C-alpha atoms as a PDB file:
ATOM      1  CA  MET A   1      -6.891 -69.603 -86.002  1.00  0.00           C
ATOM      2  CA  LYS A   2      -7.292 -66.723 -88.502  1.00  0.00           C
ATOM      3  CA  GLU A   3      -6.747 -68.025 -92.570  1.00  0.00           C
ATOM      4  CA  LEU A   4      -4.625 -65.982 -94.161  1.00  0.00           C
ATOM      5  CA  LYS A   5      -5.329 -65.836 -98.015  1.00  0.00           C
ATOM      6  CA  ILE A   6      -2.370 -64.329-100.477  1.00  0.00           C
ATOM      7  CA  GLU A   7      -2.883 -63.911-103.816  1.00  0.00           C
ATOM      8  CA  VAL A   8      -0.227 -64.774-106.385  1.00  0.00           C
ATOM      9  CA  PRO A   9       0.068 -62.666-109.387  1.00  0.00           C
ATOM     10  CA  ASP A  10      -0.016 -64.722-112.745  1.00  0.00           C
ATOM     11  CA  GLY A  11       3.970 -65.415-113.713  1.00  0.00           C
ATOM     12  CA  TYR A  12       4.970 -65.728-109.968  1.00  0.00           C
ATOM     13  CA  GLU A  13       5.371 -68.499-106.911  1.00  0.00           C
ATOM     14  CA  ILE A  14       5.438 -67.971-103.801  1.00  0.00           C
ATOM     15  CA  ASP A  15       7.986 -68.841-101.277  1.00  0.00           C
ATOM     16  CA  ILE A  16       6.446 -68.841 -97.460  1.00  0.00           C
ATOM     17  CA  GLU A  17       9.472 -69.047 -94.626  1.00  0.00           C
ATOM     18  CA  LYS A  18       7.865 -70.437 -90.922  1.00  0.00           C
ATOM     19  CA  SER A  19       9.301 -70.472 -87.986  1.00  0.00           C
ATOM     20  CA  ASN A  20       7.900 -72.197 -84.924  1.00  0.00           C
ATOM     21  CA  LEU A  21       4.532 -72.547 -86.981  1.00  0.00           C
ATOM     22  CA  LYS A  22       4.502 -68.855 -87.837  1.00  0.00           C
ATOM     23  CA  ILE A  23       5.152 -66.724 -90.755  1.00  0.00           C
ATOM     24  CA  CYS A  24       8.330 -64.855 -90.729  1.00  0.00           C
ATOM     25  CA  LYS A  25       8.482 -63.852 -94.396  1.00  0.00           C
ATOM     26  CA  VAL A  26       6.818 -64.347 -97.818  1.00  0.00           C
ATOM     27  CA  CYS A  27       8.522 -63.840-100.926  1.00  0.00           C
ATOM     28  CA  PHE A  28       7.067 -63.881-104.615  1.00  0.00           C
ATOM     29  CA  ARG A  29       9.390 -65.256-107.121  1.00  0.00           C
ATOM     30  CA  LYS A  30       9.045 -64.208-111.248  1.00  0.00           C
ATOM     31  CA  VAL A  31       8.865 -67.608-112.588  1.00  0.00           C
ATOM     32  CA  GLU A  32      10.194 -67.777-115.931  1.00  0.00           C
ATOM     33  CA  GLN A  33       8.694 -69.101-118.971  1.00  0.00           C
ATOM     34  CA  ILE A  34      10.557 -72.592-119.481  1.00  0.00           C
ATOM     35  CA  ASN A  35      10.684 -73.578-123.239  1.00  0.00           C
ATOM     36  CA  GLN A  36       9.650 -77.308-123.719  1.00  0.00           C
ATOM     37  CA  HIS A  37      12.252 -77.487-126.792  1.00  0.00           C
ATOM     38  CA  GLU A  38      14.464 -76.239-124.695  1.00  0.00           C
ATOM     39  CA  PHE A  39      14.058 -78.521-122.043  1.00  0.00           C
ATOM     40  CA  ASP A  40      13.966 -81.360-123.995  1.00  0.00           C
ATOM     41  CA  GLU A  41      17.051 -80.990-125.863  1.00  0.00           C
ATOM     42  CA  PHE A  42      19.055 -80.584-122.404  1.00  0.00           C
ATOM     43  CA  PHE A  43      17.517 -83.378-121.282  1.00  0.00           C
ATOM     44  CA  LYS A  44      18.314 -85.523-124.267  1.00  0.00           C
ATOM     45  CA  SER A  45      21.659 -84.340-124.202  1.00  0.00           C
ATOM     46  CA  LEU A  46      22.082 -85.671-120.705  1.00  0.00           C
ATOM     47  CA  LEU A  47      20.433 -89.162-121.706  1.00  0.00           C
ATOM     48  CA  HIS A  48      22.823 -89.288-124.811  1.00  0.00           C
ATOM     49  CA  GLY A  49      25.628 -88.277-122.244  1.00  0.00           C
ATOM     50  CA  ALA A  50      25.647 -91.025-120.258  1.00  0.00           C
ATOM     51  CA  ASN A  51      28.364 -93.220-120.799  1.00  0.00           C
ATOM     52  CA  ARG A  52      27.397 -96.488-119.101  1.00  0.00           C
ATOM     53  CA  LEU A  53      24.190 -98.525-119.292  1.00  0.00           C
ATOM     54  CA  VAL A  54      23.352-101.339-116.817  1.00  0.00           C
ATOM     55  CA  PHE A  55      20.458-103.968-117.490  1.00  0.00           C
ATOM     56  CA  TYR A  56      18.675-105.317-114.691  1.00  0.00           C
ATOM     57  CA  ASN A  57      16.837-108.880-114.684  1.00  0.00           C
ATOM     58  CA  ASN A  58      13.381-109.110-112.844  1.00  0.00           C
ATOM     59  CA  ASP A  59      15.422-110.582-109.809  1.00  0.00           C
ATOM     60  CA  TYR A  60      17.561-107.049-109.786  1.00  0.00           C
ATOM     61  CA  THR A  61      20.496-108.726-111.119  1.00  0.00           C
ATOM     62  CA  ILE A  62      22.331-107.764-113.336  1.00  0.00           C
ATOM     63  CA  SER A  63      21.788-108.793-117.002  1.00  0.00           C
ATOM     64  CA  ILE A  64      24.135-109.502-119.852  1.00  0.00           C
ATOM     65  CA  LEU A  65      21.361-108.933-122.115  1.00  0.00           C
ATOM     66  CA  PRO A  66      19.110-105.552-122.821  1.00  0.00           C
ATOM     67  CA  THR A  67      16.115-105.693-120.060  1.00  0.00           C
ATOM     68  CA  ASN A  68      13.141-103.693-120.041  1.00  0.00           C
ATOM     69  CA  HIS A  69      15.004-102.333-116.480  1.00  0.00           C
ATOM     70  CA  PHE A  70      17.986-100.231-117.039  1.00  0.00           C
ATOM     71  CA  THR A  71      19.835 -97.396-114.701  1.00  0.00           C
ATOM     72  CA  LEU A  72      22.206 -94.606-117.040  1.00  0.00           C
ATOM     73  CA  TYR A  73      25.527 -93.424-115.405  1.00  0.00           C
ATOM     74  CA  ASP A  74      27.951 -90.573-116.308  1.00  0.00           C
ATOM     75  CA  GLY A  75      31.475 -90.835-116.633  1.00  0.00           C
ATOM     76  CA  ASN A  76      32.280 -90.759-113.089  1.00  0.00           C
ATOM     77  CA  GLY A  77      30.225 -93.720-112.679  1.00  0.00           C
ATOM     78  CA  GLN A  78      27.838 -92.168-110.549  1.00  0.00           C
ATOM     79  CA  TRP A  79      23.610 -93.095-111.306  1.00  0.00           C
ATOM     80  CA  LEU A  80      21.970 -90.542-113.263  1.00  0.00           C
ATOM     81  CA  PHE A  81      18.465 -92.293-114.261  1.00  0.00           C
ATOM     82  CA  ASP A  82      16.806 -96.039-113.468  1.00  0.00           C
ATOM     83  CA  ILE A  83      14.312 -96.643-116.117  1.00  0.00           C
ATOM     84  CA  ARG A  84      11.918 -99.586-115.769  1.00  0.00           C
ATOM     85  CA  ILE A  85       9.669-100.192-118.849  1.00  0.00           C
ATOM     86  CA  GLY A  86       6.397-102.405-119.071  1.00  0.00           C
ATOM     87  CA  GLU A  87       4.972-103.810-115.679  1.00  0.00           C
ATOM     88  CA  ASN A  88       5.945-101.593-112.494  1.00  0.00           C
ATOM     89  CA  ALA A  89       7.356 -99.495-114.615  1.00  0.00           C
ATOM     90  CA  HIS A  90       8.947 -96.291-113.523  1.00  0.00           C
ATOM     91  CA  PHE A  91      11.487 -93.259-113.991  1.00  0.00           C
ATOM     92  CA  TYR A  92      13.969 -92.138-111.339  1.00  0.00           C
ATOM     93  CA  TYR A  93      16.895 -89.529-111.197  1.00  0.00           C
ATOM     94  CA  SER A  94      19.069 -88.571-109.376  1.00  0.00           C
ATOM     95  CA  HIS A  95      18.563 -85.828-106.779  1.00  0.00           C
ATOM     96  CA  HIS A  96      22.261 -84.927-105.928  1.00  0.00           C
ATOM     97  CA  ILE A  97      22.865 -85.069-109.602  1.00  0.00           C
ATOM     98  CA  ILE A  98      20.109 -84.027-112.130  1.00  0.00           C
ATOM     99  CA  LEU A  99      18.236 -81.431-110.318  1.00  0.00           C
ATOM    100  CA  PRO A 100      21.115 -79.612-109.769  1.00  0.00           C
ATOM    101  CA  LEU A 101      21.678 -79.421-113.095  1.00  0.00           C
ATOM    102  CA  PHE A 102      18.154 -78.288-114.180  1.00  0.00           C
ATOM    103  CA  LYS A 103      17.646 -75.820-111.075  1.00  0.00           C
ATOM    104  CA  GLU A 104      20.716 -74.292-112.800  1.00  0.00           C
ATOM    105  CA  LYS A 105      20.267 -74.102-116.446  1.00  0.00           C
ATOM    106  CA  PHE A 106      16.611 -73.392-115.409  1.00  0.00           C
ATOM    107  CA  GLY A 107      15.612 -72.048-112.300  1.00  0.00           C
ATOM    108  CA  ILE A 108      13.253 -74.493-111.340  1.00  0.00           C
ATOM    109  CA  ASN A 109      12.237 -76.266-108.802  1.00  0.00           C
ATOM    110  CA  GLU A 110      11.557 -80.434-108.539  1.00  0.00           C
ATOM    111  CA  MET A 111       7.897 -80.492-108.878  1.00  0.00           C
ATOM    112  CA  MET A 112       8.323 -78.123-111.966  1.00  0.00           C
ATOM    113  CA  LEU A 113      11.075 -80.671-113.031  1.00  0.00           C
ATOM    114  CA  ASN A 114       8.760 -83.400-112.881  1.00  0.00           C
ATOM    115  CA  ASN A 115       5.686 -81.753-114.734  1.00  0.00           C
ATOM    116  CA  LEU A 116       8.476 -80.968-117.621  1.00  0.00           C
ATOM    117  CA  MET A 117      10.046 -84.857-117.662  1.00  0.00           C
ATOM    118  CA  LEU A 118       6.486 -86.246-117.917  1.00  0.00           C
ATOM    119  CA  HIS A 119       6.707 -85.065-121.953  1.00  0.00           C
ATOM    120  CA  MET A 120       9.981 -86.806-122.233  1.00  0.00           C
ATOM    121  CA  ILE A 121       9.582 -89.797-120.307  1.00  0.00           C
ATOM    122  CA  GLU A 122       6.581 -90.950-122.637  1.00  0.00           C
ATOM    123  CA  GLN A 123       7.727 -89.511-125.654  1.00  0.00           C
ATOM    124  CA  LEU A 124      11.423 -91.369-125.552  1.00  0.00           C
ATOM    125  CA  PHE A 125       9.872 -94.266-123.333  1.00  0.00           C
ATOM    126  CA  GLY A 126       6.563 -94.460-123.737  1.00  0.00           C
ATOM    127  CA  LEU A 127       6.100 -94.101-119.830  1.00  0.00           C
ATOM    128  CA  LYS A 128       2.919 -92.689-120.162  1.00  0.00           C
ATOM    129  CA  GLY A 129       1.364 -91.948-116.867  1.00  0.00           C
ATOM    130  CA  VAL A 130       4.198 -92.405-115.252  1.00  0.00           C
ATOM    131  CA  ILE A 131       5.486 -89.441-112.767  1.00  0.00           C
ATOM    132  CA  PRO A 132       9.149 -88.709-112.389  1.00  0.00           C
ATOM    133  CA  SER A 133      10.430 -89.230-108.668  1.00  0.00           C
ATOM    134  CA  SER A 134      14.024 -87.937-107.665  1.00  0.00           C
ATOM    135  CA  SER A 135      15.599 -90.366-104.835  1.00  0.00           C
ATOM    136  CA  MET A 136      18.293 -89.080-102.880  1.00  0.00           C
ATOM    137  CA  LEU A 137      19.800 -92.225-102.598  1.00  0.00           C
ATOM    138  CA  MET A 138      20.511 -94.927-104.971  1.00  0.00           C
ATOM    139  CA  PRO A 139      17.744 -97.641-105.613  1.00  0.00           C
ATOM    140  CA  HIS A 140      18.706-100.226-103.731  1.00  0.00           C
ATOM    141  CA  TRP A 141      19.395-102.854-106.822  1.00  0.00           C
ATOM    142  CA  ILE A 142      21.780-100.510-108.125  1.00  0.00           C
ATOM    143  CA  TRP A 143      23.617-100.373-104.711  1.00  0.00           C
ATOM    144  CA  ASN A 144      23.531-104.186-103.932  1.00  0.00           C
ATOM    145  CA  SER A 145      25.406-104.290-107.835  1.00  0.00           C
ATOM    146  CA  TYR A 146      27.938-102.428-106.553  1.00  0.00           C
ATOM    147  CA  LEU A 147      28.385-104.916-103.480  1.00  0.00           C
ATOM    148  CA  ASP A 148      28.764-107.880-105.907  1.00  0.00           C
END
């Protein structure tokens, strides 16, 4: 099998369309420089725009007192973010809601979104070393709280 090397110019990323393990199309797409401050402000506006906050105990039951594990919902009751600080820290965001908002606003993909979010989740929540992760499904503890 021959190896194909493609050099990607600075400021561009590559899209490779494959079909039956054959390359059909190669495109270069100009990557827009994203202002971290503008990104941070938009990210904070989403956090502040959440109108419902639910706290969870260690056993994933809903807590009436603030805890280190909480979920933020939008005005339609759809979950946006699930955040746990401290032991077993994580930062999940809704693949179906959050990712399209950032794609529309900044034209970025999921990997770029995760990299840009690193700064904010460390600054706002102290989650150093925690990689943001999108989830196509609600985490099980959120789904279980709907069933209660």
